[in-house]
Amino acid sequence: MIGLDTNVLIRYIMQDDIKQSPLATRIVESLTAESPGFVPLVAIVEMAWVLSSAYELSRSQLIEAFEALLRTKELVVERGETVWKGLRLLQRSGGDFADCLIACSAEAAGCAKTMTFNRGAARNGGMTLAS
């Protein structure tokens, strides 16, 4: 198994760099179910931010990209079940993906609730507003 950094995944998904995209394609397409690529949870959060802010992908495009990533048998996504839950919360709530993932990660760790000062995260991200 080899680890994959955010920039390799972004170049593979977006195919937007004449030099790096072909290299990313070669790396990703060389992976197999027996020798998969590992996608760290931090890379998932970075990807969400880059794809939505720099590439202006819509919420539905972002969800579609992550669903494809999670379904790829040549990739192992760290805490994949938690990422799936975060995506489902994102679909239902209209919140921010990072907030949804934080709440789902805390729940997976056995937390009864996740406290926040962020009103949006409390309203749409499954957290509890600290007051």
C-alpha atoms as a PDB file:
ATOM      1  CA  MET A   1       0.000   0.000   0.000  1.00  0.00           C
ATOM      2  CA  ILE A   2       1.167   3.534  -0.719  1.00  0.00           C
ATOM      3  CA  GLY A   3      -0.111   6.763   0.753  1.00  0.00           C
ATOM      4  CA  LEU A   4      -1.582   9.408  -1.522  1.00  0.00           C
ATOM      5  CA  ASP A   5      -1.259  13.112  -0.801  1.00  0.00           C
ATOM      6  CA  THR A   6      -4.053  15.544  -1.538  1.00  0.00           C
ATOM      7  CA  ASN A   7      -2.262  17.076  -4.522  1.00  0.00           C
ATOM      8  CA  VAL A   8      -1.894  13.705  -6.283  1.00  0.00           C
ATOM      9  CA  LEU A   9      -5.606  13.028  -5.834  1.00  0.00           C
ATOM     10  CA  ILE A  10      -6.600  16.522  -6.991  1.00  0.00           C
ATOM     11  CA  ARG A  11      -4.417  16.273 -10.097  1.00  0.00           C
ATOM     12  CA  TYR A  12      -5.910  12.867 -10.894  1.00  0.00           C
ATOM     13  CA  ILE A  13      -9.500  13.998 -10.405  1.00  0.00           C
ATOM     14  CA  MET A  14      -9.243  17.393 -12.102  1.00  0.00           C
ATOM     15  CA  GLN A  15      -6.683  16.567 -14.845  1.00  0.00           C
ATOM     16  CA  ASP A  16      -5.705  20.226 -14.899  1.00  0.00           C
ATOM     17  CA  ASP A  17      -1.909  20.244 -14.940  1.00  0.00           C
ATOM     18  CA  ILE A  18       0.020  19.285 -18.062  1.00  0.00           C
ATOM     19  CA  LYS A  19       2.957  17.820 -16.101  1.00  0.00           C
ATOM     20  CA  GLN A  20       1.499  16.574 -12.834  1.00  0.00           C
ATOM     21  CA  SER A  21      -1.825  15.140 -14.041  1.00  0.00           C
ATOM     22  CA  PRO A  22      -0.240  12.405 -16.204  1.00  0.00           C
ATOM     23  CA  LEU A  23       2.042  11.443 -13.296  1.00  0.00           C
ATOM     24  CA  ALA A  24      -0.918  11.332 -10.912  1.00  0.00           C
ATOM     25  CA  THR A  25      -2.828   9.208 -13.416  1.00  0.00           C
ATOM     26  CA  ARG A  26       0.050   6.775 -13.698  1.00  0.00           C
ATOM     27  CA  ILE A  27       0.287   6.475  -9.905  1.00  0.00           C
ATOM     28  CA  VAL A  28      -3.436   6.041  -9.281  1.00  0.00           C
ATOM     29  CA  GLU A  29      -4.030   3.702 -12.211  1.00  0.00           C
ATOM     30  CA  SER A  30      -1.131   1.477 -11.105  1.00  0.00           C
ATOM     31  CA  LEU A  31      -2.965   0.677  -7.858  1.00  0.00           C
ATOM     32  CA  THR A  32      -4.753  -2.633  -7.385  1.00  0.00           C
ATOM     33  CA  ALA A  33      -7.094  -4.101  -4.802  1.00  0.00           C
ATOM     34  CA  GLU A  34      -4.139  -6.179  -3.583  1.00  0.00           C
ATOM     35  CA  SER A  35      -1.807  -3.157  -3.487  1.00  0.00           C
ATOM     36  CA  PRO A  36      -4.111  -0.165  -2.905  1.00  0.00           C
ATOM     37  CA  GLY A  37      -3.513   3.491  -2.289  1.00  0.00           C
ATOM     38  CA  PHE A  38      -4.195   4.892   1.175  1.00  0.00           C
ATOM     39  CA  VAL A  39      -6.108   8.168   1.469  1.00  0.00           C
ATOM     40  CA  PRO A  40      -5.602   9.783   4.899  1.00  0.00           C
ATOM     41  CA  LEU A  41      -8.550  11.498   6.552  1.00  0.00           C
ATOM     42  CA  VAL A  42      -6.670  14.802   6.474  1.00  0.00           C
ATOM     43  CA  ALA A  43      -6.408  14.486   2.679  1.00  0.00           C
ATOM     44  CA  ILE A  44     -10.193  14.068   2.510  1.00  0.00           C
ATOM     45  CA  VAL A  45     -10.717  17.331   4.389  1.00  0.00           C
ATOM     46  CA  GLU A  46      -8.118  19.148   2.265  1.00  0.00           C
ATOM     47  CA  MET A  47      -9.694  17.787  -0.920  1.00  0.00           C
ATOM     48  CA  ALA A  48     -13.126  19.049   0.099  1.00  0.00           C
ATOM     49  CA  TRP A  49     -11.735  22.515   0.696  1.00  0.00           C
ATOM     50  CA  VAL A  50      -9.695  22.617  -2.540  1.00  0.00           C
ATOM     51  CA  LEU A  51     -12.469  21.204  -4.736  1.00  0.00           C
ATOM     52  CA  SER A  52     -15.117  23.544  -3.362  1.00  0.00           C
ATOM     53  CA  SER A  53     -13.068  26.728  -3.042  1.00  0.00           C
ATOM     54  CA  ALA A  54     -10.398  26.608  -5.743  1.00  0.00           C
ATOM     55  CA  TYR A  55     -12.352  24.564  -8.317  1.00  0.00           C
ATOM     56  CA  GLU A  56     -15.808  25.751  -7.258  1.00  0.00           C
ATOM     57  CA  LEU A  57     -17.382  22.307  -7.429  1.00  0.00           C
ATOM     58  CA  SER A  58     -21.005  22.303  -6.359  1.00  0.00           C
ATOM     59  CA  ARG A  59     -22.149  20.363  -3.309  1.00  0.00           C
ATOM     60  CA  SER A  60     -23.529  17.597  -5.524  1.00  0.00           C
ATOM     61  CA  GLN A  61     -20.298  17.399  -7.555  1.00  0.00           C
ATOM     62  CA  LEU A  62     -18.277  17.227  -4.341  1.00  0.00           C
ATOM     63  CA  ILE A  63     -20.462  14.440  -2.978  1.00  0.00           C
ATOM     64  CA  GLU A  64     -20.218  12.589  -6.295  1.00  0.00           C
ATOM     65  CA  ALA A  65     -16.407  12.857  -6.290  1.00  0.00           C
ATOM     66  CA  PHE A  66     -16.131  11.498  -2.738  1.00  0.00           C
ATOM     67  CA  GLU A  67     -18.611   8.705  -3.376  1.00  0.00           C
ATOM     68  CA  ALA A  68     -16.525   7.597  -6.365  1.00  0.00           C
ATOM     69  CA  LEU A  69     -13.381   7.726  -4.245  1.00  0.00           C
ATOM     70  CA  LEU A  70     -14.977   5.669  -1.476  1.00  0.00           C
ATOM     71  CA  ARG A  71     -16.277   3.062  -3.937  1.00  0.00           C
ATOM     72  CA  THR A  72     -12.916   2.546  -5.629  1.00  0.00           C
ATOM     73  CA  LYS A  73     -11.574  -0.850  -4.552  1.00  0.00           C
ATOM     74  CA  GLU A  74      -8.008   0.264  -5.330  1.00  0.00           C
ATOM     75  CA  LEU A  75      -8.202   2.893  -2.577  1.00  0.00           C
ATOM     76  CA  VAL A  76      -8.423   2.578   1.183  1.00  0.00           C
ATOM     77  CA  VAL A  77      -9.900   5.700   2.738  1.00  0.00           C
ATOM     78  CA  GLU A  78      -8.986   6.169   6.382  1.00  0.00           C
ATOM     79  CA  ARG A  79     -12.158   5.876   8.453  1.00  0.00           C
ATOM     80  CA  GLY A  80     -14.164   5.294   5.295  1.00  0.00           C
ATOM     81  CA  GLU A  81     -17.400   4.558   7.162  1.00  0.00           C
ATOM     82  CA  THR A  82     -17.107   7.863   9.006  1.00  0.00           C
ATOM     83  CA  VAL A  83     -16.497   9.691   5.722  1.00  0.00           C
ATOM     84  CA  TRP A  84     -19.634   8.018   4.283  1.00  0.00           C
ATOM     85  CA  LYS A  85     -21.625   9.218   7.313  1.00  0.00           C
ATOM     86  CA  GLY A  86     -20.202  12.726   6.894  1.00  0.00           C
ATOM     87  CA  LEU A  87     -21.303  12.750   3.250  1.00  0.00           C
ATOM     88  CA  ARG A  88     -24.809  11.633   4.192  1.00  0.00           C
ATOM     89  CA  LEU A  89     -25.022  14.357   6.845  1.00  0.00           C
ATOM     90  CA  LEU A  90     -23.793  16.867   4.253  1.00  0.00           C
ATOM     91  CA  GLN A  91     -26.558  15.778   1.860  1.00  0.00           C
ATOM     92  CA  ARG A  92     -29.263  16.069   4.511  1.00  0.00           C
ATOM     93  CA  SER A  93     -28.144  19.215   6.252  1.00  0.00           C
ATOM     94  CA  GLY A  94     -26.591  21.502   3.698  1.00  0.00           C
ATOM     95  CA  GLY A  95     -23.752  22.152   6.141  1.00  0.00           C
ATOM     96  CA  ASP A  96     -20.021  22.350   5.616  1.00  0.00           C
ATOM     97  CA  PHE A  97     -18.289  19.031   4.881  1.00  0.00           C
ATOM     98  CA  ALA A  98     -15.525  19.567   7.453  1.00  0.00           C
ATOM     99  CA  ASP A  99     -18.125  20.314  10.141  1.00  0.00           C
ATOM    100  CA  CYS A 100     -20.122  17.217   9.186  1.00  0.00           C
ATOM    101  CA  LEU A 101     -16.982  15.086   9.284  1.00  0.00           C
ATOM    102  CA  ILE A 102     -15.953  16.485  12.683  1.00  0.00           C
ATOM    103  CA  ALA A 103     -19.365  15.641  14.131  1.00  0.00           C
ATOM    104  CA  CYS A 104     -19.353  12.146  12.612  1.00  0.00           C
ATOM    105  CA  SER A 105     -15.785  11.483  13.772  1.00  0.00           C
ATOM    106  CA  ALA A 106     -16.689  12.477  17.318  1.00  0.00           C
ATOM    107  CA  GLU A 107     -19.779  10.263  17.197  1.00  0.00           C
ATOM    108  CA  ALA A 108     -17.686   7.336  15.920  1.00  0.00           C
ATOM    109  CA  ALA A 109     -15.345   7.896  18.882  1.00  0.00           C
ATOM    110  CA  GLY A 110     -18.297   7.524  21.259  1.00  0.00           C
ATOM    111  CA  CYS A 111     -18.967  11.189  21.979  1.00  0.00           C
ATOM    112  CA  ALA A 112     -22.534  11.995  23.024  1.00  0.00           C
ATOM    113  CA  LYS A 113     -22.303  15.371  21.285  1.00  0.00           C
ATOM    114  CA  THR A 114     -19.803  17.774  19.750  1.00  0.00           C
ATOM    115  CA  MET A 115     -19.685  21.279  21.183  1.00  0.00           C
ATOM    116  CA  THR A 116     -19.025  24.300  18.980  1.00  0.00           C
ATOM    117  CA  PHE A 117     -19.215  28.090  18.908  1.00  0.00           C
ATOM    118  CA  ASN A 118     -19.978  27.911  15.169  1.00  0.00           C
ATOM    119  CA  ARG A 119     -23.699  28.568  14.713  1.00  0.00           C
ATOM    120  CA  GLY A 120     -23.664  27.089  11.208  1.00  0.00           C
ATOM    121  CA  ALA A 121     -22.074  23.870  12.464  1.00  0.00           C
ATOM    122  CA  ALA A 122     -24.718  23.643  15.183  1.00  0.00           C
ATOM    123  CA  ARG A 123     -27.530  24.339  12.730  1.00  0.00           C
ATOM    124  CA  ASN A 124     -26.295  22.246   9.783  1.00  0.00           C
ATOM    125  CA  GLY A 125     -23.329  20.137  10.896  1.00  0.00           C
ATOM    126  CA  GLY A 126     -24.712  17.952  13.633  1.00  0.00           C
ATOM    127  CA  MET A 127     -23.009  19.803  16.493  1.00  0.00           C
ATOM    128  CA  THR A 128     -24.322  21.440  19.677  1.00  0.00           C
ATOM    129  CA  LEU A 129     -23.939  25.169  20.173  1.00  0.00           C
ATOM    130  CA  ALA A 130     -21.934  26.017  23.287  1.00  0.00           C
ATOM    131  CA  SER A 131     -23.764  28.574  25.372  1.00  0.00           C
END
